[in-house]
Protein backbone atom coordinates (compact mmCIF):
# COMPACT_ATOMS: atom_id res chain seq x y z
CA MET A 1 1.41 23.37 21.32
CA GLY A 2 4.94 25.44 20.27
CA ASP A 3 2.84 27.78 18.62
CA VAL A 4 -0.61 28.44 19.13
CA ARG A 5 -1.52 30.43 16.29
CA GLY A 6 0.65 28.92 13.90
CA PHE A 7 -2.65 27.58 11.49
CA LEU A 8 -3.42 31.60 11.50
CA LYS A 9 -0.38 32.38 9.96
CA HIS A 10 0.84 29.74 8.06
CA GLY A 11 -0.42 28.03 4.76
CA ARG A 12 0.01 24.45 3.74
CA GLU A 13 2.92 23.79 1.75
CA LEU A 14 4.32 20.59 0.24
CA PRO A 15 8.11 20.05 -1.23
CA ASP A 16 8.39 20.66 -4.69
CA LYS A 17 8.35 17.89 -7.58
CA ARG A 18 11.17 17.14 -10.09
CA PRO A 19 10.60 18.54 -13.26
CA VAL A 20 8.54 15.98 -15.26
CA PRO A 21 10.78 15.96 -18.24
CA ASP A 22 14.05 14.95 -15.73
CA ARG A 23 11.85 12.47 -13.78
CA VAL A 24 10.88 10.16 -16.37
CA GLU A 25 14.37 9.74 -17.43
CA ASP A 26 14.93 8.06 -14.53
CA TRP A 27 13.27 5.73 -11.93
CA ARG A 28 14.31 7.77 -8.79
CA GLU A 29 11.37 9.13 -6.61
CA VAL A 30 9.48 12.55 -7.57
CA TYR A 31 9.98 15.00 -4.80
CA LEU A 32 12.91 17.07 -3.51
CA PRO A 33 14.11 17.44 -0.18
CA PHE A 34 12.12 19.84 2.18
CA ALA A 35 13.94 22.15 4.03
CA GLN A 36 13.68 21.88 7.75
CA ASP A 37 12.76 25.04 8.64
CA GLU A 38 9.98 24.77 6.41
CA LEU A 39 9.11 21.47 8.39
CA LYS A 40 8.92 22.97 11.54
CA THR A 41 6.49 25.83 10.22
CA GLN A 42 4.15 23.45 8.88
CA ALA A 43 4.24 21.17 11.88
CA SER A 44 3.36 24.50 13.67
CA ARG A 45 0.17 24.68 11.73
CA CYS A 46 -1.24 21.34 14.14
CA MET A 47 -3.51 23.48 16.58
CA ASP A 48 -3.57 21.38 19.51
CA CYS A 49 -7.14 20.39 19.05
CA GLY A 50 -9.01 19.23 22.33
CA ILE A 51 -9.47 16.14 20.33
CA PRO A 52 -7.43 15.28 17.60
CA PHE A 53 -9.56 13.24 15.06
CA CYS A 54 -6.05 12.47 13.02
CA ASN A 55 -5.56 10.11 16.14
CA ASP A 56 -8.73 8.13 15.39
CA GLY A 57 -8.21 9.12 11.22
CA CYS A 58 -5.43 6.83 11.64
CA PRO A 59 -5.58 3.36 11.46
CA LEU A 60 -2.09 2.58 13.60
CA GLY A 61 -3.36 5.38 16.27
CA ASN A 62 -0.62 7.24 15.39
CA LEU A 63 0.47 10.45 17.85
CA ILE A 64 0.30 13.44 15.44
CA PRO A 65 0.03 16.12 17.35
CA ASP A 66 2.76 14.95 19.84
CA TRP A 67 5.27 14.56 17.03
CA ASN A 68 3.95 17.86 15.18
CA ASP A 69 4.99 19.32 18.19
CA LEU A 70 8.26 17.75 19.39
CA VAL A 71 9.79 18.45 15.62
CA TYR A 72 8.58 22.12 15.90
CA ARG A 73 10.18 22.47 19.21
CA ASP A 74 13.67 20.72 17.20
CA HIS A 75 13.24 17.54 19.56
CA TRP A 76 13.86 15.00 16.33
CA GLN A 77 14.77 12.28 18.51
CA GLN A 78 11.99 11.89 21.09
CA ALA A 79 9.77 12.71 17.92
CA ILE A 80 10.90 9.61 15.88
CA GLU A 81 10.07 7.60 19.72
CA ARG A 82 7.13 8.69 19.90
CA LEU A 83 6.39 7.56 15.94
CA HIS A 84 8.00 4.15 16.45
CA ALA A 85 5.95 3.69 19.48
CA THR A 86 2.78 3.02 17.03
CA ASN A 87 4.28 2.35 13.40
CA ASN A 88 7.12 0.09 12.46
CA PHE A 89 7.86 1.42 9.21
CA PRO A 90 6.70 5.34 8.95
CA GLU A 91 9.07 5.59 5.93
CA PHE A 92 6.54 3.08 3.97
CA THR A 93 3.79 5.11 5.19
CA GLY A 94 4.93 8.47 4.67
CA ARG A 95 5.40 7.29 1.06
CA LEU A 96 2.56 5.17 0.22
CA CYS A 97 -0.61 6.10 2.58
CA PRO A 98 -3.21 8.38 1.40
CA ALA A 99 -3.33 10.09 4.39
CA PRO A 100 -6.62 9.02 6.05
CA CYS A 101 -5.23 11.16 9.38
CA GLU A 102 -4.79 14.54 6.92
CA ALA A 103 -9.01 13.74 5.90
CA ALA A 104 -9.73 13.99 9.61
CA CYS A 105 -7.16 16.81 10.65
CA VAL A 106 -9.87 19.62 12.65
CA LEU A 107 -7.56 22.15 10.59
CA GLY A 108 -9.10 20.85 7.11
CA ILE A 109 -13.00 21.62 8.30
CA ASN A 110 -13.07 24.91 6.76
CA GLN A 111 -8.86 25.22 5.62
CA ASP A 112 -5.99 22.59 4.17
CA PRO A 113 -5.02 20.14 6.90
CA VAL A 114 -1.16 20.00 8.17
CA THR A 115 0.53 18.06 6.09
CA ILE A 116 1.02 15.10 8.51
CA LYS A 117 2.53 12.80 6.19
CA GLN A 118 4.94 15.17 5.17
CA VAL A 119 6.48 15.59 9.03
CA GLU A 120 6.09 12.08 9.36
CA VAL A 121 8.64 10.67 6.73
CA GLU A 122 11.09 13.66 7.12
CA ILE A 123 11.03 12.26 10.99
CA ILE A 124 12.39 8.59 10.21
CA ASP A 125 14.16 9.96 7.29
CA ARG A 126 16.37 12.16 9.23
CA ALA A 127 15.94 9.07 12.16
CA TRP A 128 17.97 6.96 9.63
CA ASP A 129 20.35 9.78 8.66
CA GLU A 130 21.53 10.57 12.36
CA GLY A 131 22.26 6.20 13.04
CA TRP A 132 18.97 6.99 15.70
CA VAL A 133 17.18 3.60 13.73
CA THR A 134 19.12 0.49 15.48
CA PRO A 135 18.16 -2.97 16.23
CA GLN A 136 16.27 -4.04 19.29
CA PRO A 137 16.65 -7.43 19.48
CA PRO A 138 15.16 -9.04 22.56
CA THR A 139 16.35 -9.63 25.83
CA VAL A 140 15.14 -13.12 26.33
CA HIS A 141 13.88 -15.91 23.95
CA THR A 142 10.87 -17.81 24.26
CA GLY A 143 11.76 -20.83 22.64
CA LYS A 144 8.67 -20.43 20.22
CA ARG A 145 8.94 -20.79 16.63
CA VAL A 146 6.39 -18.54 14.49
CA ALA A 147 6.28 -19.04 10.85
CA VAL A 148 4.90 -15.35 9.14
CA VAL A 149 3.34 -16.62 5.68
CA GLY A 150 3.77 -13.41 3.32
CA SER A 151 6.62 -10.48 3.97
CA GLY A 152 4.22 -7.53 2.72
CA PRO A 153 3.51 -5.36 5.32
CA ALA A 154 1.05 -6.46 7.54
CA GLY A 155 3.79 -10.04 7.26
CA LEU A 156 6.75 -7.25 8.17
CA ALA A 157 5.12 -5.93 11.05
CA ALA A 158 4.00 -9.04 12.66
CA ALA A 159 7.02 -10.19 12.26
CA GLN A 160 9.28 -7.61 13.71
CA GLN A 161 6.69 -7.44 16.75
CA LEU A 162 6.80 -11.12 17.01
CA THR A 163 10.50 -11.12 16.61
CA ARG A 164 11.23 -8.60 19.82
CA ALA A 165 8.69 -10.41 21.89
CA GLY A 166 11.41 -12.93 22.03
CA HIS A 167 9.77 -16.02 19.53
CA GLU A 168 11.72 -17.26 16.89
CA VAL A 169 10.58 -16.17 13.50
CA VAL A 170 10.62 -17.04 10.73
CA VAL A 171 9.47 -15.28 7.00
CA TYR A 172 8.46 -17.47 4.00
CA GLU A 173 8.22 -15.47 0.96
CA ARG A 174 7.24 -17.06 -2.30
CA ALA A 175 8.73 -14.05 -4.24
CA ASP A 176 12.60 -14.00 -4.88
CA ARG A 177 12.86 -11.18 -2.70
CA ILE A 178 11.69 -9.80 0.29
CA GLY A 179 8.71 -7.28 0.51
CA GLY A 180 5.85 -8.65 -1.50
CA LEU A 181 3.99 -5.48 -2.74
CA LEU A 182 6.21 -3.27 -1.23
CA ARG A 183 9.13 -4.66 -3.34
CA TYR A 184 7.87 -5.80 -6.63
CA GLY A 185 4.09 -3.66 -6.42
CA ILE A 186 5.06 -0.47 -5.60
CA PRO A 187 7.23 1.41 -8.64
CA GLU A 188 10.98 2.58 -7.16
CA PHE A 189 9.84 6.27 -7.93
CA LYS A 190 7.09 6.20 -5.46
CA MET A 191 9.36 4.21 -2.94
CA GLU A 192 13.04 3.90 -3.32
CA LYS A 193 13.60 -0.14 -2.66
CA ARG A 194 16.40 1.20 -0.38
CA HIS A 195 13.92 2.22 2.59
CA LEU A 196 12.60 -1.29 2.40
CA ASP A 197 16.29 -2.95 2.21
CA ARG A 198 17.52 -1.28 5.47
CA ARG A 199 14.72 -2.17 7.34
CA LEU A 200 15.05 -5.34 6.82
CA ALA A 201 18.31 -5.44 7.55
CA GLN A 202 17.36 -4.16 10.61
CA MET A 203 14.93 -6.61 11.50
CA GLU A 204 17.50 -9.55 10.54
CA ALA A 205 19.55 -8.11 12.68
CA GLU A 206 16.63 -8.37 15.16
CA GLY A 207 16.62 -11.84 14.74
CA THR A 208 13.99 -12.40 11.94
CA THR A 209 14.67 -14.92 9.55
CA PHE A 210 13.93 -14.52 6.17
CA ARG A 211 13.32 -17.60 3.55
CA VAL A 212 12.50 -16.13 -0.26
CA SER A 213 11.51 -18.40 -3.26
CA VAL A 214 9.36 -20.35 -0.93
CA ASP A 215 5.76 -21.38 -1.91
CA VAL A 216 4.39 -22.66 1.01
CA GLY A 217 1.96 -25.49 0.02
CA VAL A 218 3.56 -26.15 -3.08
CA ASP A 219 7.60 -26.16 -1.57
CA ILE A 220 6.53 -26.96 1.77
CA PRO A 221 3.77 -29.25 2.82
CA VAL A 222 1.78 -27.03 5.02
CA GLU A 223 1.39 -30.09 7.89
CA GLN A 224 5.62 -29.58 7.67
CA LEU A 225 5.01 -25.84 8.57
CA ARG A 226 2.86 -27.00 11.57
CA GLU A 227 5.06 -29.39 13.01
CA ASP A 228 8.07 -27.23 12.54
CA HIS A 229 6.28 -24.15 14.27
CA ASP A 230 4.14 -23.13 17.50
CA ALA A 231 1.93 -20.53 15.47
CA ILE A 232 1.51 -19.44 11.78
CA VAL A 233 0.23 -16.28 10.70
CA LEU A 234 -0.81 -15.93 6.72
CA ALA A 235 0.42 -12.62 5.40
CA GLY A 236 -0.09 -13.53 2.08
CA GLY A 237 -2.15 -10.33 0.87
CA ALA A 238 -4.96 -9.95 -1.34
CA THR A 239 -3.50 -11.03 -4.49
CA MET A 240 -6.26 -12.58 -7.00
CA ALA A 241 -6.71 -9.77 -9.36
CA ARG A 242 -10.05 -8.82 -10.52
CA ASP A 243 -10.22 -10.01 -14.62
CA LEU A 244 -12.24 -7.99 -17.52
CA PRO A 245 -13.37 -11.29 -19.25
CA ILE A 246 -15.39 -9.71 -22.33
CA GLU A 247 -14.74 -10.31 -26.49
CA GLY A 248 -10.91 -10.21 -27.37
CA ARG A 249 -9.83 -10.96 -23.56
CA GLU A 250 -7.71 -13.48 -25.02
CA LEU A 251 -5.80 -11.68 -27.43
CA ASP A 252 -1.87 -10.47 -26.92
CA GLY A 253 -1.17 -7.35 -25.76
CA ILE A 254 -3.86 -7.38 -22.23
CA HIS A 255 -2.03 -8.13 -19.03
CA GLN A 256 -3.20 -7.52 -15.36
CA ALA A 257 -1.48 -4.76 -13.54
CA MET A 258 0.34 -7.03 -11.71
CA GLU A 259 1.70 -9.14 -14.80
CA PHE A 260 3.52 -5.65 -15.68
CA LEU A 261 4.78 -3.74 -12.99
CA PRO A 262 7.09 -6.25 -11.15
CA TRP A 263 9.62 -6.65 -13.98
CA SER A 264 10.80 -2.01 -13.97
CA ASN A 265 11.35 -3.29 -10.05
CA LYS A 266 13.23 -6.54 -10.96
CA ALA A 267 15.13 -3.86 -13.69
CA GLN A 268 15.58 -1.57 -10.72
CA GLU A 269 17.82 -4.44 -8.73
CA GLY A 270 19.79 -5.31 -11.55
CA ASP A 271 18.41 -8.66 -12.57
CA PHE A 272 18.23 -7.42 -16.55
CA PRO A 273 18.50 -3.83 -18.38
CA VAL A 274 14.76 -1.46 -18.18
CA ASP A 275 14.49 -1.49 -21.90
CA ASP A 276 14.76 -5.36 -22.09
CA VAL A 277 11.99 -5.61 -19.81
CA PRO A 278 9.53 -8.85 -20.83
CA ILE A 279 6.21 -6.22 -21.17
CA SER A 280 7.14 -2.89 -22.43
CA ALA A 281 5.17 0.49 -22.67
CA ALA A 282 7.80 1.39 -25.23
CA GLY A 283 6.34 3.00 -27.74
CA ARG A 284 2.71 1.55 -27.53
CA ASP A 285 -0.78 3.25 -26.87
CA VAL A 286 -1.49 2.25 -23.76
CA VAL A 287 -4.91 2.04 -22.56
CA ILE A 288 -5.19 1.23 -18.78
CA ILE A 289 -8.42 0.25 -17.02
CA GLY A 290 -9.23 0.99 -13.61
CA GLY A 291 -8.21 4.71 -12.44
CA GLY A 292 -7.12 3.79 -8.70
CA ASP A 293 -3.59 3.91 -7.44
CA THR A 294 -2.38 0.83 -8.90
CA GLY A 295 -3.37 1.96 -12.48
CA ALA A 296 -1.75 5.64 -11.63
CA ASP A 297 1.63 3.13 -10.85
CA CYS A 298 0.61 1.68 -14.30
CA LEU A 299 0.54 4.82 -15.75
CA GLY A 300 3.92 6.67 -14.28
CA THR A 301 5.99 3.03 -15.60
CA SER A 302 4.25 3.71 -18.77
CA HIS A 303 5.95 7.09 -19.15
CA ARG A 304 9.17 5.59 -17.79
CA HIS A 305 9.53 3.16 -20.41
CA GLY A 306 8.41 5.72 -23.12
CA ALA A 307 5.11 4.61 -24.10
CA ASN A 308 3.75 6.46 -27.51
CA SER A 309 0.14 7.73 -25.67
CA VAL A 310 -1.68 6.35 -22.21
CA HIS A 311 -5.57 6.94 -21.73
CA GLN A 312 -6.22 5.85 -18.35
CA PHE A 313 -9.90 4.44 -18.18
CA GLU A 314 -12.66 4.61 -15.14
CA ILE A 315 -16.14 3.54 -15.01
CA MET A 316 -17.10 5.76 -12.06
CA PRO A 317 -18.02 9.98 -12.89
CA ARG A 318 -15.30 12.12 -12.60
CA PRO A 319 -15.25 12.82 -8.50
CA PRO A 320 -16.07 16.70 -7.64
CA GLU A 321 -13.53 19.00 -6.99
CA GLU A 322 -14.92 20.09 -3.04
CA ARG A 323 -16.55 17.44 -0.56
CA PRO A 324 -20.13 17.17 -1.31
CA ALA A 325 -22.63 17.65 1.67
CA ALA A 326 -23.38 13.69 1.94
CA ASN A 327 -19.32 13.21 2.15
CA PRO A 328 -18.80 16.02 5.43
CA TRP A 329 -15.80 15.93 7.52
CA PRO A 330 -14.07 14.00 8.98
CA THR A 331 -15.22 10.97 7.06
CA TRP A 332 -12.96 10.22 3.39
CA PRO A 333 -13.27 12.60 1.05
CA MET A 334 -14.40 11.45 -2.49
CA THR A 335 -12.80 14.21 -4.49
CA TYR A 336 -10.93 14.58 -7.50
CA ARG A 337 -7.28 14.08 -7.07
CA THR A 338 -4.44 13.90 -9.03
CA SER A 339 -0.89 11.89 -8.49
CA ALA A 340 2.64 12.53 -9.60
CA ALA A 341 2.12 10.62 -12.45
CA HIS A 342 -1.05 12.25 -13.61
CA GLU A 343 1.32 15.29 -13.66
CA GLU A 344 3.48 13.77 -16.25
CA GLY A 345 0.84 13.29 -19.22
CA GLY A 346 -1.50 10.78 -20.08
CA GLU A 347 -5.37 11.19 -20.59
CA ARG A 348 -7.82 10.09 -17.72
CA VAL A 349 -11.50 8.90 -19.14
CA PHE A 350 -13.96 8.72 -16.64
CA SER A 351 -17.88 7.17 -16.86
CA VAL A 352 -16.99 4.58 -19.53
CA ASN A 353 -16.86 1.11 -19.90
CA THR A 354 -15.25 -1.29 -22.31
CA LYS A 355 -16.87 -3.49 -24.09
CA ALA A 356 -14.57 -5.15 -26.54
CA PHE A 357 -11.05 -6.19 -27.23
CA LEU A 358 -10.58 -5.88 -31.37
CA GLY A 359 -7.04 -8.09 -32.26
CA ASP A 360 -4.75 -7.79 -35.33
CA GLU A 361 -4.18 -10.66 -38.11
CA ASN A 362 -1.44 -11.83 -35.65
CA GLY A 363 -3.36 -12.30 -32.48
CA ARG A 364 -2.56 -8.89 -30.61
CA VAL A 365 -4.98 -6.44 -29.44
CA ARG A 366 -5.31 -3.65 -31.73
CA ALA A 367 -8.05 -1.70 -30.10
CA LEU A 368 -11.35 -1.56 -28.05
CA GLN A 369 -15.03 -0.53 -28.12
CA ALA A 370 -15.67 1.36 -25.62
CA HIS A 371 -18.80 3.67 -24.43
CA GLU A 372 -19.88 6.08 -22.11
CA VAL A 373 -21.69 5.24 -18.98
CA GLU A 374 -24.32 6.79 -16.60
CA PHE A 375 -24.73 5.65 -13.27
CA VAL A 376 -29.44 5.06 -12.88
CA ASP A 377 -30.74 4.20 -9.72
CA GLY A 378 -27.65 2.01 -8.74
CA ARG A 379 -26.93 0.57 -12.25
CA PHE A 380 -24.98 1.24 -15.22
CA GLN A 381 -26.59 2.26 -17.95
CA GLU A 382 -24.93 2.69 -21.34
CA VAL A 383 -25.56 6.54 -23.38
CA GLU A 384 -26.82 5.96 -26.30
CA GLY A 385 -24.63 6.95 -29.20
CA SER A 386 -21.99 7.13 -27.28
CA GLU A 387 -19.85 3.92 -28.54
CA PHE A 388 -16.19 5.08 -29.61
CA GLU A 389 -13.47 3.18 -30.73
CA LEU A 390 -9.86 3.41 -29.45
CA GLU A 391 -6.46 2.13 -30.95
CA THR A 392 -4.28 0.39 -28.45
CA ASP A 393 -1.43 -1.79 -28.49
CA LEU A 394 -1.13 -3.05 -24.69
CA VAL A 395 -3.83 -2.98 -22.49
CA LEU A 396 -3.54 -3.23 -18.74
CA LEU A 397 -5.99 -4.34 -15.98
CA ALA A 398 -5.71 -2.63 -12.49
CA MET A 399 -9.08 -3.17 -11.38
CA GLY A 400 -8.41 -4.17 -7.92
CA PHE A 401 -8.16 -7.34 -6.49
CA LEU A 402 -10.87 -9.78 -5.09
CA GLY A 403 -9.11 -11.39 -2.18
CA PRO A 404 -6.57 -14.51 -1.55
CA GLU A 405 -6.00 -17.15 -4.00
CA ARG A 406 -7.06 -20.30 -2.72
CA GLU A 407 -4.69 -23.12 -4.35
CA GLY A 408 -2.13 -24.33 -2.32
CA LEU A 409 -2.01 -22.94 1.16
CA LEU A 410 -5.67 -21.90 2.19
CA ASP A 411 -6.97 -24.85 0.00
CA GLU A 412 -4.55 -27.95 2.56
CA LEU A 413 -4.91 -25.45 5.70
CA GLY A 414 -8.28 -25.71 5.39
CA VAL A 415 -9.45 -22.23 6.80
CA ALA A 416 -13.26 -20.99 6.37
CA LEU A 417 -13.20 -18.27 3.78
CA THR A 418 -15.54 -15.49 4.59
CA GLU A 419 -18.30 -14.53 1.68
CA ARG A 420 -15.98 -12.17 -0.01
CA GLY A 421 -13.59 -15.16 -0.44
CA ASN A 422 -11.40 -13.47 2.46
CA VAL A 423 -10.06 -15.75 5.52
CA ALA A 424 -12.41 -15.67 7.87
CA ARG A 425 -11.23 -15.01 11.64
CA ASP A 426 -12.35 -13.86 14.67
CA ASP A 427 -11.52 -11.09 17.41
CA ASP A 428 -8.28 -12.26 18.21
CA TYR A 429 -7.13 -12.62 14.08
CA ALA A 430 -7.13 -16.47 15.21
CA THR A 431 -8.83 -18.82 11.63
CA SER A 432 -11.04 -21.39 11.90
CA VAL A 433 -8.12 -23.52 12.34
CA ASP A 434 -6.02 -24.34 15.65
CA GLY A 435 -2.97 -22.07 15.36
CA VAL A 436 -3.68 -20.42 12.75
CA TRP A 437 -4.19 -16.79 12.55
CA VAL A 438 -4.21 -14.03 9.65
CA CYS A 439 -3.74 -10.32 9.45
CA GLY A 440 -3.75 -7.88 6.60
CA ASP A 441 -5.42 -8.00 3.15
CA MET A 442 -5.29 -11.30 3.43
CA GLY A 443 -8.54 -11.73 6.08
CA ARG A 444 -9.52 -7.91 5.65
CA GLY A 445 -9.89 -7.97 1.78
CA GLN A 446 -7.71 -4.88 -0.24
CA SER A 447 -7.27 -1.86 1.80
CA LEU A 448 -4.73 0.88 3.04
CA ILE A 449 -0.95 0.12 3.97
CA VAL A 450 -1.76 2.12 7.59
CA TRP A 451 -4.67 -0.87 8.10
CA ALA A 452 -1.80 -4.30 6.82
CA ILE A 453 0.19 -2.39 9.70
CA ALA A 454 -1.80 -2.00 12.32
CA GLU A 455 -3.67 -5.47 11.74
CA GLY A 456 0.34 -7.26 11.80
CA ARG A 457 0.94 -5.25 14.97
CA ALA A 458 -2.29 -6.21 16.42
CA CYS A 459 -1.94 -10.12 15.17
CA ALA A 460 1.16 -10.36 16.49
CA SER A 461 -0.48 -9.32 20.07
CA ALA A 462 -2.58 -12.12 19.88
CA VAL A 463 -0.33 -14.61 18.79
CA ASP A 464 1.72 -13.72 22.03
CA ALA A 465 -0.98 -14.05 24.11
CA GLN A 466 -1.91 -17.29 23.12
CA LEU A 467 1.68 -18.76 23.24
CA MET A 468 2.40 -16.64 26.30
CA GLY A 469 -0.38 -16.57 28.72
CA ALA A 470 -0.56 -12.79 28.05
CA SER A 471 1.87 -9.54 25.65
CA ALA A 472 3.01 -6.62 26.51
CA LEU A 473 2.87 -6.21 22.97
CA PRO A 474 1.14 -3.02 22.15
CA VAL A 475 -2.48 -3.02 20.15
CA PRO A 476 -3.51 -0.28 17.86
CA ILE A 477 -6.72 0.82 19.04
CA ALA A 478 -8.30 1.31 15.61
CA ALA A 479 -7.27 -2.56 14.32
CA SER A 480 -10.46 -4.43 14.53
CA ALA A 481 -10.19 -7.55 12.74
CA GLN A 482 -13.83 -7.44 10.88
CA PRO A 483 -12.80 -7.57 7.26
CA LEU A 484 -14.39 -4.41 5.27
CA ARG A 485 -17.94 -4.38 4.69
């Protein structure tokens, strides 16, 4: 490494955020620019570990010490080459990934870890600014046609790899724009869609074809898709949301997160003014049920709508500030975290369960009944005397996803499913139906963006090998095709 004592001389630093009063008035990204001299200092904290656990912590197997050293030495073009060697879309992961690499950083045993994620995003942003990211069209064409169903990070990664291998790739997306959850699930303040659009332009220049507003199994019969293509890659994600079937669920004003979030993204695309979104938090008392990233996205969106108040409920207890003994390095630390959205306001409520929704005379939710819970012998138990009622006129359910939707595409294909309802696959991402593969959340279950990209890359290699007898496409070492346990 360039400075073997860097981690002894410098502490961890991140870019400043825009002031809360300013950023809740618009939809631009939260973080301010980070000076490149400061970034080089942060890169110098990388320790030249004998075994860089960050590589293993990242499902993509990113060559993190390599590009940290290259940034420190001011070799930015070589840094993006090393970064792109394992990651098709570092501008996405650098903004959206929770950074398991940092959790596995050896420095993190007893200090703050290296700012890996920030170095990553600064490398790719500079590469775009300098014009180093250019189309890489294939030098040969195989004559094979591949359909990729779904245009989230897994589908896009598979499509780009297969296009570069020389296949004719068509990506089918049922929404009106390409991007999946990157387009309509991730709020603009977390990732401005210009980052997605310029990557899609690169893919089109390489030869990938995109078809929007096409619901395969509805608008196109599955048999026609199979006849027209030599291989099919399923990458439709885990879009079946977990519901809360309690008393009053039928009341107006109770919505799934993915019924709420896309409208603001569509407004940012220019489809209509933000003030005219069909489901708005403006002036409302909002309760978000679910304490994860999707709940935080609903929180930040509600702030920007101008909500009167926001409460975020989580059934689990408040995590500890520090790693507990049973959660040692380099495992993912189950500690208390705050996102930028949490810093903007609202109240987080832990160890609480919602029992019923109460309605007004017009059939709209007016309040909810809830109670505190404690975890005893592996089960949640109600705390006696803790029941309370909270006024609300907008409830957003952000409790995760149960797997892919079955109706249409999956039912028509007849693919086997796992006990959890995901699409079953073998070690090469092949489903039970010949010529059909699956990657990302549709086969793995709800997971991280880095796993989606890793699986898309690995699945592309498997498809290429099946079509051509062998493949030169790289496979992420960590990209096991096994579902989450």
